[in-house]
Protein backbone atom coordinates (compact mmCIF):
# COMPACT_ATOMS: atom_id res chain seq x y z
CA UNK A 1 0.00 0.00 0.00
CA UNK A 2 1.34 3.38 -0.98
CA UNK A 3 0.47 6.93 0.00
CA UNK A 4 -0.68 9.91 -2.02
CA UNK A 5 -0.68 13.52 -0.86
CA UNK A 6 -2.45 16.23 -2.87
CA UNK A 7 -1.71 19.93 -2.64
CA UNK A 8 -2.41 23.11 -4.53
CA UNK A 9 -6.11 23.61 -3.94
CA UNK A 10 -7.59 26.91 -2.86
CA UNK A 11 -10.03 29.69 -3.59
CA UNK A 12 -9.90 31.33 -7.01
CA UNK A 13 -12.15 33.58 -9.05
CA UNK A 14 -13.88 32.31 -12.15
CA UNK A 15 -11.50 32.39 -15.09
CA UNK A 16 -8.50 31.81 -12.87
CA UNK A 17 -6.05 28.92 -12.68
CA UNK A 18 -4.77 26.44 -10.15
CA UNK A 19 -2.21 23.65 -10.33
CA UNK A 20 -2.79 20.58 -8.21
CA UNK A 21 0.05 18.25 -7.28
CA UNK A 22 0.00 14.64 -6.14
CA UNK A 23 3.07 13.20 -4.43
CA UNK A 24 3.32 9.42 -4.29
CA UNK A 25 5.34 7.23 -1.96
CA UNK A 26 5.60 3.59 -1.00
CA UNK A 27 5.05 2.10 -4.45
CA UNK A 28 6.75 1.87 -7.80
CA UNK A 29 5.12 4.76 -9.62
CA UNK A 30 6.04 4.45 -13.28
CA UNK A 31 3.97 1.36 -13.95
CA UNK A 32 0.34 2.38 -14.07
CA UNK A 33 -2.21 5.13 -14.73
CA UNK A 34 -2.77 8.07 -12.43
CA UNK A 35 -6.28 9.47 -12.13
CA UNK A 36 -7.71 12.70 -10.83
CA UNK A 37 -11.26 12.56 -9.50
CA UNK A 38 -13.49 15.17 -7.96
CA UNK A 39 -16.57 15.18 -5.78
CA UNK A 40 -18.80 18.23 -5.69
CA UNK A 41 -21.35 18.73 -2.92
CA UNK A 42 -24.41 16.59 -3.57
CA UNK A 43 -22.92 14.96 -6.64
CA UNK A 44 -21.35 11.65 -7.54
CA UNK A 45 -17.60 11.29 -7.73
CA UNK A 46 -16.42 12.11 -11.24
CA UNK A 47 -13.24 11.01 -12.98
CA UNK A 48 -11.71 14.19 -14.33
CA UNK A 49 -8.51 13.05 -16.02
CA UNK A 50 -6.22 10.04 -16.47
CA UNK A 51 -2.63 9.72 -17.64
CA UNK A 52 -0.93 6.47 -18.54
CA UNK A 53 2.33 5.28 -17.01
CA UNK A 54 4.56 6.89 -19.62
CA UNK A 55 2.62 10.11 -19.99
CA UNK A 56 1.92 9.44 -23.64
CA UNK A 57 -1.84 8.95 -23.35
CA UNK A 58 -4.44 11.02 -21.52
CA UNK A 59 -8.17 11.09 -20.94
CA UNK A 60 -10.33 14.05 -19.96
CA UNK A 61 -13.94 14.29 -18.94
CA UNK A 62 -15.96 16.32 -21.41
CA UNK A 63 -16.62 18.92 -18.73
CA UNK A 64 -12.92 19.82 -18.42
CA UNK A 65 -11.49 19.03 -21.84
CA UNK A 66 -9.56 21.97 -23.27
CA UNK A 67 -9.21 23.60 -19.84
CA UNK A 68 -7.41 21.02 -17.69
CA UNK A 69 -4.08 19.31 -18.38
CA UNK A 70 -2.82 16.22 -16.58
CA UNK A 71 0.89 15.42 -16.44
CA UNK A 72 3.35 13.36 -14.42
CA UNK A 73 7.00 13.25 -13.48
CA UNK A 74 7.93 9.64 -12.78
CA UNK A 75 11.39 10.55 -11.52
CA UNK A 76 9.80 12.70 -8.81
CA UNK A 77 6.85 10.30 -8.33
CA UNK A 78 4.47 13.18 -8.81
CA UNK A 79 1.40 13.90 -10.90
CA UNK A 80 -0.18 17.25 -11.67
CA UNK A 81 -3.46 18.74 -12.79
CA UNK A 82 -3.21 22.18 -14.36
CA UNK A 83 -6.64 23.80 -14.27
CA UNK A 84 -7.28 26.89 -16.39
CA UNK A 85 -10.40 28.93 -17.13
CA UNK A 86 -11.95 27.68 -13.92
CA UNK A 87 -15.72 27.84 -13.50
CA UNK A 88 -17.86 27.82 -10.37
CA UNK A 89 -19.04 24.33 -11.33
CA UNK A 90 -15.44 23.10 -10.94
CA UNK A 91 -15.82 23.62 -7.18
CA UNK A 92 -15.16 20.25 -5.55
CA UNK A 93 -12.74 18.20 -3.53
CA UNK A 94 -10.12 16.83 -5.92
CA UNK A 95 -8.54 13.45 -5.30
CA UNK A 96 -5.52 11.74 -6.77
CA UNK A 97 -5.76 8.00 -7.37
CA UNK A 98 -3.08 5.43 -8.23
CA UNK A 99 -4.13 1.78 -8.22
CA UNK A 100 -5.84 1.25 -4.84
CA UNK A 101 -4.29 4.34 -3.26
CA UNK A 102 -6.21 7.56 -2.68
CA UNK A 103 -5.10 10.89 -1.36
CA UNK A 104 -6.93 12.86 1.31
CA UNK A 105 -8.21 15.34 -1.25
CA UNK A 106 -7.69 19.05 -1.78
CA UNK A 107 -10.50 21.59 -1.87
CA UNK A 108 -10.94 23.75 -4.95
CA UNK A 109 -13.44 26.60 -4.69
CA UNK A 110 -14.21 28.82 -7.66
CA UNK A 111 -16.14 32.00 -6.95
CA UNK A 112 -18.30 33.73 -9.54
C-alpha atoms as a PDB file:
ATOM      1  CA  UNK A   1       0.000   0.000   0.000  1.00  0.00           C
ATOM      2  CA  UNK A   2       1.338   3.380  -0.983  1.00  0.00           C
ATOM      3  CA  UNK A   3       0.472   6.933   0.003  1.00  0.00           C
ATOM      4  CA  UNK A   4      -0.684   9.910  -2.021  1.00  0.00           C
ATOM      5  CA  UNK A   5      -0.684  13.523  -0.865  1.00  0.00           C
ATOM      6  CA  UNK A   6      -2.453  16.228  -2.866  1.00  0.00           C
ATOM      7  CA  UNK A   7      -1.714  19.929  -2.641  1.00  0.00           C
ATOM      8  CA  UNK A   8      -2.414  23.109  -4.531  1.00  0.00           C
ATOM      9  CA  UNK A   9      -6.110  23.614  -3.942  1.00  0.00           C
ATOM     10  CA  UNK A  10      -7.595  26.911  -2.856  1.00  0.00           C
ATOM     11  CA  UNK A  11     -10.034  29.693  -3.595  1.00  0.00           C
ATOM     12  CA  UNK A  12      -9.896  31.327  -7.008  1.00  0.00           C
ATOM     13  CA  UNK A  13     -12.151  33.581  -9.047  1.00  0.00           C
ATOM     14  CA  UNK A  14     -13.875  32.305 -12.154  1.00  0.00           C
ATOM     15  CA  UNK A  15     -11.502  32.390 -15.087  1.00  0.00           C
ATOM     16  CA  UNK A  16      -8.496  31.813 -12.872  1.00  0.00           C
ATOM     17  CA  UNK A  17      -6.050  28.920 -12.681  1.00  0.00           C
ATOM     18  CA  UNK A  18      -4.773  26.440 -10.146  1.00  0.00           C
ATOM     19  CA  UNK A  19      -2.211  23.651 -10.335  1.00  0.00           C
ATOM     20  CA  UNK A  20      -2.786  20.577  -8.207  1.00  0.00           C
ATOM     21  CA  UNK A  21       0.050  18.252  -7.280  1.00  0.00           C
ATOM     22  CA  UNK A  22       0.001  14.644  -6.142  1.00  0.00           C
ATOM     23  CA  UNK A  23       3.074  13.205  -4.433  1.00  0.00           C
ATOM     24  CA  UNK A  24       3.324   9.415  -4.289  1.00  0.00           C
ATOM     25  CA  UNK A  25       5.342   7.230  -1.961  1.00  0.00           C
ATOM     26  CA  UNK A  26       5.603   3.587  -1.002  1.00  0.00           C
ATOM     27  CA  UNK A  27       5.052   2.099  -4.453  1.00  0.00           C
ATOM     28  CA  UNK A  28       6.751   1.869  -7.802  1.00  0.00           C
ATOM     29  CA  UNK A  29       5.118   4.759  -9.616  1.00  0.00           C
ATOM     30  CA  UNK A  30       6.038   4.454 -13.275  1.00  0.00           C
ATOM     31  CA  UNK A  31       3.967   1.359 -13.951  1.00  0.00           C
ATOM     32  CA  UNK A  32       0.336   2.385 -14.068  1.00  0.00           C
ATOM     33  CA  UNK A  33      -2.208   5.126 -14.735  1.00  0.00           C
ATOM     34  CA  UNK A  34      -2.771   8.074 -12.434  1.00  0.00           C
ATOM     35  CA  UNK A  35      -6.281   9.467 -12.134  1.00  0.00           C
ATOM     36  CA  UNK A  36      -7.708  12.701 -10.828  1.00  0.00           C
ATOM     37  CA  UNK A  37     -11.261  12.558  -9.497  1.00  0.00           C
ATOM     38  CA  UNK A  38     -13.487  15.167  -7.959  1.00  0.00           C
ATOM     39  CA  UNK A  39     -16.569  15.183  -5.783  1.00  0.00           C
ATOM     40  CA  UNK A  40     -18.795  18.228  -5.693  1.00  0.00           C
ATOM     41  CA  UNK A  41     -21.351  18.727  -2.916  1.00  0.00           C
ATOM     42  CA  UNK A  42     -24.410  16.593  -3.565  1.00  0.00           C
ATOM     43  CA  UNK A  43     -22.920  14.959  -6.643  1.00  0.00           C
ATOM     44  CA  UNK A  44     -21.354  11.645  -7.542  1.00  0.00           C
ATOM     45  CA  UNK A  45     -17.603  11.291  -7.734  1.00  0.00           C
ATOM     46  CA  UNK A  46     -16.419  12.112 -11.245  1.00  0.00           C
ATOM     47  CA  UNK A  47     -13.238  11.008 -12.979  1.00  0.00           C
ATOM     48  CA  UNK A  48     -11.707  14.192 -14.327  1.00  0.00           C
ATOM     49  CA  UNK A  49      -8.510  13.049 -16.020  1.00  0.00           C
ATOM     50  CA  UNK A  50      -6.219  10.042 -16.469  1.00  0.00           C
ATOM     51  CA  UNK A  51      -2.630   9.718 -17.637  1.00  0.00           C
ATOM     52  CA  UNK A  52      -0.933   6.467 -18.544  1.00  0.00           C
ATOM     53  CA  UNK A  53       2.327   5.276 -17.007  1.00  0.00           C
ATOM     54  CA  UNK A  54       4.563   6.889 -19.617  1.00  0.00           C
ATOM     55  CA  UNK A  55       2.617  10.108 -19.990  1.00  0.00           C
ATOM     56  CA  UNK A  56       1.915   9.436 -23.642  1.00  0.00           C
ATOM     57  CA  UNK A  57      -1.845   8.946 -23.349  1.00  0.00           C
ATOM     58  CA  UNK A  58      -4.438  11.016 -21.524  1.00  0.00           C
ATOM     59  CA  UNK A  59      -8.174  11.089 -20.937  1.00  0.00           C
ATOM     60  CA  UNK A  60     -10.331  14.052 -19.958  1.00  0.00           C
ATOM     61  CA  UNK A  61     -13.944  14.292 -18.940  1.00  0.00           C
ATOM     62  CA  UNK A  62     -15.965  16.323 -21.413  1.00  0.00           C
ATOM     63  CA  UNK A  63     -16.625  18.921 -18.727  1.00  0.00           C
ATOM     64  CA  UNK A  64     -12.917  19.817 -18.424  1.00  0.00           C
ATOM     65  CA  UNK A  65     -11.489  19.032 -21.845  1.00  0.00           C
ATOM     66  CA  UNK A  66      -9.561  21.966 -23.267  1.00  0.00           C
ATOM     67  CA  UNK A  67      -9.214  23.600 -19.842  1.00  0.00           C
ATOM     68  CA  UNK A  68      -7.407  21.019 -17.691  1.00  0.00           C
ATOM     69  CA  UNK A  69      -4.080  19.310 -18.384  1.00  0.00           C
ATOM     70  CA  UNK A  70      -2.815  16.224 -16.575  1.00  0.00           C
ATOM     71  CA  UNK A  71       0.888  15.417 -16.441  1.00  0.00           C
ATOM     72  CA  UNK A  72       3.346  13.358 -14.421  1.00  0.00           C
ATOM     73  CA  UNK A  73       7.004  13.251 -13.481  1.00  0.00           C
ATOM     74  CA  UNK A  74       7.931   9.641 -12.777  1.00  0.00           C
ATOM     75  CA  UNK A  75      11.390  10.550 -11.522  1.00  0.00           C
ATOM     76  CA  UNK A  76       9.805  12.699  -8.810  1.00  0.00           C
ATOM     77  CA  UNK A  77       6.854  10.299  -8.334  1.00  0.00           C
ATOM     78  CA  UNK A  78       4.471  13.183  -8.806  1.00  0.00           C
ATOM     79  CA  UNK A  79       1.401  13.904 -10.900  1.00  0.00           C
ATOM     80  CA  UNK A  80      -0.185  17.248 -11.670  1.00  0.00           C
ATOM     81  CA  UNK A  81      -3.463  18.742 -12.794  1.00  0.00           C
ATOM     82  CA  UNK A  82      -3.210  22.184 -14.364  1.00  0.00           C
ATOM     83  CA  UNK A  83      -6.637  23.798 -14.274  1.00  0.00           C
ATOM     84  CA  UNK A  84      -7.283  26.886 -16.388  1.00  0.00           C
ATOM     85  CA  UNK A  85     -10.403  28.929 -17.130  1.00  0.00           C
ATOM     86  CA  UNK A  86     -11.949  27.676 -13.922  1.00  0.00           C
ATOM     87  CA  UNK A  87     -15.716  27.839 -13.505  1.00  0.00           C
ATOM     88  CA  UNK A  88     -17.865  27.819 -10.365  1.00  0.00           C
ATOM     89  CA  UNK A  89     -19.035  24.327 -11.330  1.00  0.00           C
ATOM     90  CA  UNK A  90     -15.438  23.102 -10.939  1.00  0.00           C
ATOM     91  CA  UNK A  91     -15.818  23.620  -7.180  1.00  0.00           C
ATOM     92  CA  UNK A  92     -15.163  20.250  -5.549  1.00  0.00           C
ATOM     93  CA  UNK A  93     -12.743  18.201  -3.529  1.00  0.00           C
ATOM     94  CA  UNK A  94     -10.116  16.829  -5.920  1.00  0.00           C
ATOM     95  CA  UNK A  95      -8.544  13.446  -5.297  1.00  0.00           C
ATOM     96  CA  UNK A  96      -5.518  11.742  -6.771  1.00  0.00           C
ATOM     97  CA  UNK A  97      -5.756   7.998  -7.367  1.00  0.00           C
ATOM     98  CA  UNK A  98      -3.078   5.431  -8.226  1.00  0.00           C
ATOM     99  CA  UNK A  99      -4.129   1.778  -8.217  1.00  0.00           C
ATOM    100  CA  UNK A 100      -5.837   1.251  -4.842  1.00  0.00           C
ATOM    101  CA  UNK A 101      -4.289   4.344  -3.256  1.00  0.00           C
ATOM    102  CA  UNK A 102      -6.214   7.558  -2.684  1.00  0.00           C
ATOM    103  CA  UNK A 103      -5.098  10.894  -1.360  1.00  0.00           C
ATOM    104  CA  UNK A 104      -6.929  12.861   1.313  1.00  0.00           C
ATOM    105  CA  UNK A 105      -8.215  15.343  -1.246  1.00  0.00           C
ATOM    106  CA  UNK A 106      -7.687  19.052  -1.778  1.00  0.00           C
ATOM    107  CA  UNK A 107     -10.504  21.589  -1.871  1.00  0.00           C
ATOM    108  CA  UNK A 108     -10.938  23.751  -4.951  1.00  0.00           C
ATOM    109  CA  UNK A 109     -13.435  26.602  -4.692  1.00  0.00           C
ATOM    110  CA  UNK A 110     -14.211  28.823  -7.658  1.00  0.00           C
ATOM    111  CA  UNK A 111     -16.139  32.004  -6.952  1.00  0.00           C
ATOM    112  CA  UNK A 112     -18.297  33.729  -9.542  1.00  0.00           C
END
